[in-house]
Amino acid sequence: YFMGWFRQAPGKEREFVAAISWSGGWTYY
């Protein structure tokens, strides 16, 4: 599984924070 973190503040849309590949060898922020 590919994993990501998102966040959502009051009055705002859900926002991308970070993601990581299944092996952990690739990340994006």
PDB file of all heavy atoms in Angstrom:
ATOM      1  N   TYR A   1       0.812  -1.211   0.000  1.00  0.00           N
ATOM      2  CA  TYR A   1       0.000   0.000   0.000  1.00  0.00           C
ATOM      3  C   TYR A   1       0.847   1.262   0.000  1.00  0.00           C
ATOM      4  O   TYR A   1       1.829   1.380   0.718  1.00  0.00           O
ATOM      5  CB  TYR A   1      -0.946   0.007   1.198  1.00  0.00           C
ATOM      6  CG  TYR A   1      -2.104  -0.939   1.033  1.00  0.00           C
ATOM      7  CD1 TYR A   1      -1.963  -2.289   1.305  1.00  0.00           C
ATOM      8  CD2 TYR A   1      -3.338  -0.481   0.574  1.00  0.00           C
ATOM      9  CE1 TYR A   1      -3.017  -3.171   1.125  1.00  0.00           C
ATOM     10  CE2 TYR A   1      -4.399  -1.351   0.400  1.00  0.00           C
ATOM     11  CZ  TYR A   1      -4.235  -2.692   0.676  1.00  0.00           C
ATOM     12  OH  TYR A   1      -5.284  -3.562   0.509  1.00  0.00           O
ATOM     13  N   PHE A   2       0.431   2.199  -0.831  1.00  0.00           N
ATOM     14  CA  PHE A   2       0.963   3.546  -0.855  1.00  0.00           C
ATOM     15  C   PHE A   2       0.259   4.350   0.234  1.00  0.00           C
ATOM     16  O   PHE A   2      -0.966   4.261   0.385  1.00  0.00           O
ATOM     17  CB  PHE A   2       0.711   4.165  -2.228  1.00  0.00           C
ATOM     18  CG  PHE A   2       1.541   5.356  -2.538  1.00  0.00           C
ATOM     19  CD1 PHE A   2       2.724   5.235  -3.256  1.00  0.00           C
ATOM     20  CD2 PHE A   2       1.141   6.622  -2.146  1.00  0.00           C
ATOM     21  CE1 PHE A   2       3.486   6.342  -3.566  1.00  0.00           C
ATOM     22  CE2 PHE A   2       1.893   7.737  -2.450  1.00  0.00           C
ATOM     23  CZ  PHE A   2       3.074   7.592  -3.160  1.00  0.00           C
ATOM     24  N   MET A   3       1.010   5.144   1.011  1.00  0.00           N
ATOM     25  CA  MET A   3       0.455   5.840   2.168  1.00  0.00           C
ATOM     26  C   MET A   3       0.611   7.349   2.044  1.00  0.00           C
ATOM     27  O   MET A   3       1.611   7.833   1.514  1.00  0.00           O
ATOM     28  CB  MET A   3       1.136   5.379   3.457  1.00  0.00           C
ATOM     29  CG  MET A   3       1.013   3.895   3.743  1.00  0.00           C
ATOM     30  SD  MET A   3      -0.699   3.406   4.134  1.00  0.00           S
ATOM     31  CE  MET A   3      -0.998   4.380   5.616  1.00  0.00           C
ATOM     32  N   GLY A   4      -0.373   8.066   2.563  1.00  0.00           N
ATOM     33  CA  GLY A   4      -0.312   9.517   2.570  1.00  0.00           C
ATOM     34  C   GLY A   4      -0.861  10.105   3.856  1.00  0.00           C
ATOM     35  O   GLY A   4      -1.602   9.446   4.593  1.00  0.00           O
ATOM     36  N   TRP A   5      -0.471  11.336   4.130  1.00  0.00           N
ATOM     37  CA  TRP A   5      -1.026  12.123   5.226  1.00  0.00           C
ATOM     38  C   TRP A   5      -1.703  13.361   4.650  1.00  0.00           C
ATOM     39  O   TRP A   5      -1.134  14.044   3.780  1.00  0.00           O
ATOM     40  CB  TRP A   5       0.044  12.560   6.228  1.00  0.00           C
ATOM     41  CG  TRP A   5       0.528  11.479   7.149  1.00  0.00           C
ATOM     42  CD1 TRP A   5       1.623  10.705   7.003  1.00  0.00           C
ATOM     43  CD2 TRP A   5      -0.083  11.078   8.378  1.00  0.00           C
ATOM     44  NE1 TRP A   5       1.755   9.837   8.054  1.00  0.00           N
ATOM     45  CE2 TRP A   5       0.717  10.043   8.923  1.00  0.00           C
ATOM     46  CE3 TRP A   5      -1.218  11.490   9.086  1.00  0.00           C
ATOM     47  CZ2 TRP A   5       0.404   9.415  10.130  1.00  0.00           C
ATOM     48  CZ3 TRP A   5      -1.523  10.861  10.281  1.00  0.00           C
ATOM     49  CH2 TRP A   5      -0.720   9.847  10.785  1.00  0.00           C
ATOM     50  N   PHE A   6      -2.913  13.645   5.139  1.00  0.00           N
ATOM     51  CA  PHE A   6      -3.666  14.831   4.777  1.00  0.00           C
ATOM     52  C   PHE A   6      -4.078  15.554   6.045  1.00  0.00           C
ATOM     53  O   PHE A   6      -4.076  14.979   7.135  1.00  0.00           O
ATOM     54  CB  PHE A   6      -4.913  14.467   3.959  1.00  0.00           C
ATOM     55  CG  PHE A   6      -4.618  13.959   2.576  1.00  0.00           C
ATOM     56  CD1 PHE A   6      -4.174  12.661   2.370  1.00  0.00           C
ATOM     57  CD2 PHE A   6      -4.797  14.780   1.472  1.00  0.00           C
ATOM     58  CE1 PHE A   6      -3.906  12.191   1.105  1.00  0.00           C
ATOM     59  CE2 PHE A   6      -4.535  14.320   0.194  1.00  0.00           C
ATOM     60  CZ  PHE A   6      -4.087  13.028   0.004  1.00  0.00           C
ATOM     61  N   ARG A   7      -4.465  16.817   5.915  1.00  0.00           N
ATOM     62  CA  ARG A   7      -4.983  17.559   7.053  1.00  0.00           C
ATOM     63  C   ARG A   7      -6.122  18.454   6.600  1.00  0.00           C
ATOM     64  O   ARG A   7      -6.210  18.847   5.437  1.00  0.00           O
ATOM     65  CB  ARG A   7      -3.883  18.389   7.726  1.00  0.00           C
ATOM     66  CG  ARG A   7      -3.317  19.517   6.867  1.00  0.00           C
ATOM     67  CD  ARG A   7      -2.117  20.142   7.551  1.00  0.00           C
ATOM     68  NE  ARG A   7      -1.584  21.272   6.807  1.00  0.00           N
ATOM     69  CZ  ARG A   7      -0.474  21.922   7.126  1.00  0.00           C
ATOM     70  NH1 ARG A   7       0.232  21.542   8.198  1.00  0.00           N
ATOM     71  NH2 ARG A   7      -0.060  22.943   6.394  1.00  0.00           N
ATOM     72  N   GLN A   8      -6.994  18.778   7.544  1.00  0.00           N
ATOM     73  CA  GLN A   8      -8.133  19.630   7.246  1.00  0.00           C
ATOM     74  C   GLN A   8      -8.392  20.564   8.421  1.00  0.00           C
ATOM     75  O   GLN A   8      -8.663  20.113   9.534  1.00  0.00           O
ATOM     76  CB  GLN A   8      -9.385  18.798   6.943  1.00  0.00           C
ATOM     77  CG  GLN A   8     -10.552  19.618   6.435  1.00  0.00           C
ATOM     78  CD  GLN A   8     -11.622  18.751   5.795  1.00  0.00           C
ATOM     79  OE1 GLN A   8     -11.704  17.550   6.054  1.00  0.00           O
ATOM     80  NE2 GLN A   8     -12.441  19.343   4.954  1.00  0.00           N
ATOM     81  N   ALA A   9      -8.300  21.857   8.157  1.00  0.00           N
ATOM     82  CA  ALA A   9      -8.568  22.887   9.151  1.00  0.00           C
ATOM     83  C   ALA A   9     -10.000  23.385   8.992  1.00  0.00           C
ATOM     84  O   ALA A   9     -10.592  23.249   7.918  1.00  0.00           O
ATOM     85  CB  ALA A   9      -7.584  24.045   8.994  1.00  0.00           C
ATOM     86  N   PRO A  10     -10.577  23.978  10.035  1.00  0.00           N
ATOM     87  CA  PRO A  10     -11.943  24.496   9.930  1.00  0.00           C
ATOM     88  C   PRO A  10     -12.095  25.477   8.777  1.00  0.00           C
ATOM     89  O   PRO A  10     -11.296  26.389   8.616  1.00  0.00           O
ATOM     90  CB  PRO A  10     -12.159  25.191  11.277  1.00  0.00           C
ATOM     91  CG  PRO A  10     -11.248  24.466  12.211  1.00  0.00           C
ATOM     92  CD  PRO A  10     -10.031  24.143  11.388  1.00  0.00           C
ATOM     93  N   GLY A  11     -13.136  25.268   7.967  1.00  0.00           N
ATOM     94  CA  GLY A  11     -13.408  26.149   6.848  1.00  0.00           C
ATOM     95  C   GLY A  11     -12.530  25.946   5.637  1.00  0.00           C
ATOM     96  O   GLY A  11     -12.637  26.718   4.677  1.00  0.00           O
ATOM     97  N   LYS A  12     -11.674  24.924   5.642  1.00  0.00           N
ATOM     98  CA  LYS A  12     -10.779  24.680   4.524  1.00  0.00           C
ATOM     99  C   LYS A  12     -10.971  23.270   3.966  1.00  0.00           C
ATOM    100  O   LYS A  12     -11.490  22.388   4.636  1.00  0.00           O
ATOM    101  CB  LYS A  12      -9.325  24.871   4.948  1.00  0.00           C
ATOM    102  CG  LYS A  12      -8.970  26.288   5.376  1.00  0.00           C
ATOM    103  CD  LYS A  12      -7.492  26.410   5.694  1.00  0.00           C
ATOM    104  CE  LYS A  12      -7.129  27.831   6.081  1.00  0.00           C
ATOM    105  NZ  LYS A  12      -5.674  27.945   6.401  1.00  0.00           N
ATOM    106  N   GLU A  13     -10.530  23.088   2.725  1.00  0.00           N
ATOM    107  CA  GLU A  13     -10.577  21.773   2.103  1.00  0.00           C
ATOM    108  C   GLU A  13      -9.473  20.883   2.661  1.00  0.00           C
ATOM    109  O   GLU A  13      -8.489  21.362   3.225  1.00  0.00           O
ATOM    110  CB  GLU A  13     -10.426  21.898   0.587  1.00  0.00           C
ATOM    111  CG  GLU A  13     -11.551  22.644  -0.101  1.00  0.00           C
ATOM    112  CD  GLU A  13     -11.376  22.702  -1.599  1.00  0.00           C
ATOM    113  OE1 GLU A  13     -10.260  22.402  -2.091  1.00  0.00           O
ATOM    114  OE2 GLU A  13     -12.344  23.032  -2.296  1.00  0.00           O
ATOM    115  N   ARG A  14      -9.660  19.578   2.491  1.00  0.00           N
ATOM    116  CA  ARG A  14      -8.634  18.644   2.917  1.00  0.00           C
ATOM    117  C   ARG A  14      -7.367  18.858   2.088  1.00  0.00           C
ATOM    118  O   ARG A  14      -7.411  18.892   0.858  1.00  0.00           O
ATOM    119  CB  ARG A  14      -9.139  17.212   2.781  1.00  0.00           C
ATOM    120  CG  ARG A  14      -8.230  16.176   3.427  1.00  0.00           C
ATOM    121  CD  ARG A  14      -8.970  14.864   3.658  1.00  0.00           C
ATOM    122  NE  ARG A  14     -10.060  15.017   4.607  1.00  0.00           N
ATOM    123  CZ  ARG A  14     -10.769  14.013   5.096  1.00  0.00           C
ATOM    124  NH1 ARG A  14     -10.509  12.765   4.728  1.00  0.00           N
ATOM    125  NH2 ARG A  14     -11.762  14.251   5.944  1.00  0.00           N
ATOM    126  N   GLU A  15      -6.234  18.988   2.765  1.00  0.00           N
ATOM    127  CA  GLU A  15      -4.981  19.401   2.160  1.00  0.00           C
ATOM    128  C   GLU A  15      -3.939  18.288   2.238  1.00  0.00           C
ATOM    129  O   GLU A  15      -3.732  17.681   3.290  1.00  0.00           O
ATOM    130  CB  GLU A  15      -4.460  20.659   2.868  1.00  0.00           C
ATOM    131  CG  GLU A  15      -3.106  21.144   2.412  1.00  0.00           C
ATOM    132  CD  GLU A  15      -2.563  22.246   3.303  1.00  0.00           C
ATOM    133  OE1 GLU A  15      -3.012  22.355   4.462  1.00  0.00           O
ATOM    134  OE2 GLU A  15      -1.687  23.009   2.842  1.00  0.00           O
ATOM    135  N   PHE A  16      -3.263  18.050   1.137  1.00  0.00           N
ATOM    136  CA  PHE A  16      -2.177  17.072   1.101  1.00  0.00           C
ATOM    137  C   PHE A  16      -1.000  17.538   1.942  1.00  0.00           C
ATOM    138  O   PHE A  16      -0.632  18.720   1.922  1.00  0.00           O
ATOM    139  CB  PHE A  16      -1.721  16.851  -0.344  1.00  0.00           C
ATOM    140  CG  PHE A  16      -0.491  16.006  -0.462  1.00  0.00           C
ATOM    141  CD1 PHE A  16      -0.560  14.624  -0.371  1.00  0.00           C
ATOM    142  CD2 PHE A  16       0.745  16.585  -0.670  1.00  0.00           C
ATOM    143  CE1 PHE A  16       0.571  13.835  -0.479  1.00  0.00           C
ATOM    144  CE2 PHE A  16       1.887  15.816  -0.779  1.00  0.00           C
ATOM    145  CZ  PHE A  16       1.794  14.438  -0.686  1.00  0.00           C
ATOM    146  N   VAL A  17      -0.388  16.611   2.674  1.00  0.00           N
ATOM    147  CA  VAL A  17       0.766  16.918   3.513  1.00  0.00           C
ATOM    148  C   VAL A  17       2.005  16.167   3.043  1.00  0.00           C
ATOM    149  O   VAL A  17       3.043  16.772   2.776  1.00  0.00           O
ATOM    150  CB  VAL A  17       0.490  16.590   4.992  1.00  0.00           C
ATOM    151  CG1 VAL A  17       1.737  16.837   5.836  1.00  0.00           C
ATOM    152  CG2 VAL A  17      -0.683  17.420   5.510  1.00  0.00           C
ATOM    153  N   ALA A  18       1.913  14.840   2.947  1.00  0.00           N
ATOM    154  CA  ALA A  18       3.071  14.027   2.584  1.00  0.00           C
ATOM    155  C   ALA A  18       2.618  12.657   2.117  1.00  0.00           C
ATOM    156  O   ALA A  18       1.522  12.209   2.444  1.00  0.00           O
ATOM    157  CB  ALA A  18       4.030  13.886   3.770  1.00  0.00           C
ATOM    158  N   ALA A  19       3.473  11.970   1.359  1.00  0.00           N
ATOM    159  CA  ALA A  19       3.186  10.621   0.892  1.00  0.00           C
ATOM    160  C   ALA A  19       4.466   9.806   0.856  1.00  0.00           C
ATOM    161  O   ALA A  19       5.567  10.359   0.765  1.00  0.00           O
ATOM    162  CB  ALA A  19       2.532  10.648  -0.491  1.00  0.00           C
ATOM    163  N   ILE A  20       4.317   8.485   0.896  1.00  0.00           N
ATOM    164  CA  ILE A  20       5.457   7.584   0.894  1.00  0.00           C
ATOM    165  C   ILE A  20       5.101   6.316   0.131  1.00  0.00           C
ATOM    166  O   ILE A  20       3.989   5.802   0.232  1.00  0.00           O
ATOM    167  CB  ILE A  20       5.910   7.271   2.342  1.00  0.00           C
ATOM    168  CG1 ILE A  20       7.223   6.489   2.355  1.00  0.00           C
ATOM    169  CG2 ILE A  20       4.810   6.537   3.103  1.00  0.00           C
ATOM    170  CD1 ILE A  20       7.855   6.419   3.743  1.00  0.00           C
ATOM    171  N   SER A  21       6.056   5.804  -0.650  1.00  0.00           N
ATOM    172  CA  SER A  21       5.835   4.600  -1.433  1.00  0.00           C
ATOM    173  C   SER A  21       5.800   3.368  -0.541  1.00  0.00           C
ATOM    174  O   SER A  21       6.152   3.417   0.638  1.00  0.00           O
ATOM    175  CB  SER A  21       6.926   4.457  -2.493  1.00  0.00           C
ATOM    176  OG  SER A  21       8.197   4.283  -1.887  1.00  0.00           O
ATOM    177  N   TRP A  22       5.407   2.246  -1.117  1.00  0.00           N
ATOM    178  CA  TRP A  22       5.265   1.009  -0.341  1.00  0.00           C
ATOM    179  C   TRP A  22       6.581   0.555   0.280  1.00  0.00           C
ATOM    180  O   TRP A  22       6.582  -0.046   1.360  1.00  0.00           O
ATOM    181  CB  TRP A  22       4.685  -0.103  -1.212  1.00  0.00           C
ATOM    182  CG  TRP A  22       5.588  -0.536  -2.339  1.00  0.00           C
ATOM    183  CD1 TRP A  22       5.599  -0.044  -3.615  1.00  0.00           C
ATOM    184  CD2 TRP A  22       6.604  -1.538  -2.287  1.00  0.00           C
ATOM    185  NE1 TRP A  22       6.560  -0.674  -4.364  1.00  0.00           N
ATOM    186  CE2 TRP A  22       7.186  -1.598  -3.572  1.00  0.00           C
ATOM    187  CE3 TRP A  22       7.070  -2.396  -1.282  1.00  0.00           C
ATOM    188  CZ2 TRP A  22       8.229  -2.485  -3.873  1.00  0.00           C
ATOM    189  CZ3 TRP A  22       8.106  -3.270  -1.584  1.00  0.00           C
ATOM    190  CH2 TRP A  22       8.669  -3.310  -2.868  1.00  0.00           C
ATOM    191  N   SER A  23       7.697   0.835  -0.384  1.00  0.00           N
ATOM    192  CA  SER A  23       9.005   0.427   0.113  1.00  0.00           C
ATOM    193  C   SER A  23       9.637   1.462   1.040  1.00  0.00           C
ATOM    194  O   SER A  23      10.622   1.164   1.715  1.00  0.00           O
ATOM    195  CB  SER A  23       9.947   0.162  -1.053  1.00  0.00           C
ATOM    196  OG  SER A  23      10.242   1.356  -1.749  1.00  0.00           O
ATOM    197  N   GLY A  24       9.091   2.670   1.053  1.00  0.00           N
ATOM    198  CA  GLY A  24       9.677   3.756   1.818  1.00  0.00           C
ATOM    199  C   GLY A  24      10.800   4.473   1.100  1.00  0.00           C
ATOM    200  O   GLY A  24      11.386   5.413   1.649  1.00  0.00           O
ATOM    201  N   GLY A  25      11.103   4.054  -0.131  1.00  0.00           N
ATOM    202  CA  GLY A  25      12.211   4.627  -0.873  1.00  0.00           C
ATOM    203  C   GLY A  25      11.905   5.929  -1.584  1.00  0.00           C
ATOM    204  O   GLY A  25      12.823   6.569  -2.102  1.00  0.00           O
ATOM    205  N   TRP A  26      10.670   6.312  -1.641  1.00  0.00           N
ATOM    206  CA  TRP A  26      10.257   7.539  -2.311  1.00  0.00           C
ATOM    207  C   TRP A  26       9.284   8.292  -1.421  1.00  0.00           C
ATOM    208  O   TRP A  26       8.333   7.716  -0.891  1.00  0.00           O
ATOM    209  CB  TRP A  26       9.600   7.206  -3.656  1.00  0.00           C
ATOM    210  CG  TRP A  26       9.236   8.396  -4.479  1.00  0.00           C
ATOM    211  CD1 TRP A  26      10.011   9.020  -5.411  1.00  0.00           C
ATOM    212  CD2 TRP A  26       8.000   9.109  -4.447  1.00  0.00           C
ATOM    213  NE1 TRP A  26       9.337  10.076  -5.965  1.00  0.00           N
ATOM    214  CE2 TRP A  26       8.096  10.158  -5.396  1.00  0.00           C
ATOM    215  CE3 TRP A  26       6.810   8.968  -3.716  1.00  0.00           C
ATOM    216  CZ2 TRP A  26       7.056  11.056  -5.625  1.00  0.00           C
ATOM    217  CZ3 TRP A  26       5.777   9.870  -3.936  1.00  0.00           C
ATOM    218  CH2 TRP A  26       5.906  10.892  -4.878  1.00  0.00           C
ATOM    219  N   THR A  27       9.516   9.586  -1.237  1.00  0.00           N
ATOM    220  CA  THR A  27       8.637  10.449  -0.446  1.00  0.00           C
ATOM    221  C   THR A  27       8.356  11.736  -1.194  1.00  0.00           C
ATOM    222  O   THR A  27       9.133  12.161  -2.054  1.00  0.00           O
ATOM    223  CB  THR A  27       9.242  10.783   0.923  1.00  0.00           C
ATOM    224  OG1 THR A  27      10.515  11.424   0.744  1.00  0.00           O
ATOM    225  CG2 THR A  27       9.437   9.520   1.755  1.00  0.00           C
ATOM    226  N   TYR A  28       7.249  12.365  -0.834  1.00  0.00           N
ATOM    227  CA  TYR A  28       6.852  13.620  -1.456  1.00  0.00           C
ATOM    228  C   TYR A  28       6.162  14.475  -0.414  1.00  0.00           C
ATOM    229  O   TYR A  28       5.344  13.981   0.368  1.00  0.00           O
ATOM    230  CB  TYR A  28       5.926  13.356  -2.643  1.00  0.00           C
ATOM    231  CG  TYR A  28       5.524  14.598  -3.397  1.00  0.00           C
ATOM    232  CD1 TYR A  28       6.406  15.211  -4.266  1.00  0.00           C
ATOM    233  CD2 TYR A  28       4.253  15.141  -3.233  1.00  0.00           C
ATOM    234  CE1 TYR A  28       6.043  16.353  -4.957  1.00  0.00           C
ATOM    235  CE2 TYR A  28       3.880  16.281  -3.917  1.00  0.00           C
ATOM    236  CZ  TYR A  28       4.779  16.882  -4.784  1.00  0.00           C
ATOM    237  OH  TYR A  28       4.414  18.012  -5.469  1.00  0.00           O
ATOM    238  N   TYR A  29       6.465  15.789  -0.411  1.00  0.00           N
ATOM    239  CA  TYR A  29       5.939  16.695   0.604  1.00  0.00           C
ATOM    240  C   TYR A  29       5.299  17.926  -0.014  1.00  0.00           C
ATOM    241  O   TYR A  29       5.737  18.415  -1.067  1.00  0.00           O
ATOM    242  CB  TYR A  29       7.054  17.171   1.537  1.00  0.00           C
ATOM    243  CG  TYR A  29       7.711  16.069   2.328  1.00  0.00           C
ATOM    244  CD1 TYR A  29       8.831  15.409   1.838  1.00  0.00           C
ATOM    245  CD2 TYR A  29       7.213  15.685   3.569  1.00  0.00           C
ATOM    246  CE1 TYR A  29       9.435  14.397   2.561  1.00  0.00           C
ATOM    247  CE2 TYR A  29       7.812  14.679   4.301  1.00  0.00           C
ATOM    248  CZ  TYR A  29       8.920  14.042   3.795  1.00  0.00           C
ATOM    249  OH  TYR A  29       9.523  13.040   4.515  1.00  0.00           O
TER     250      TYR A  29
END
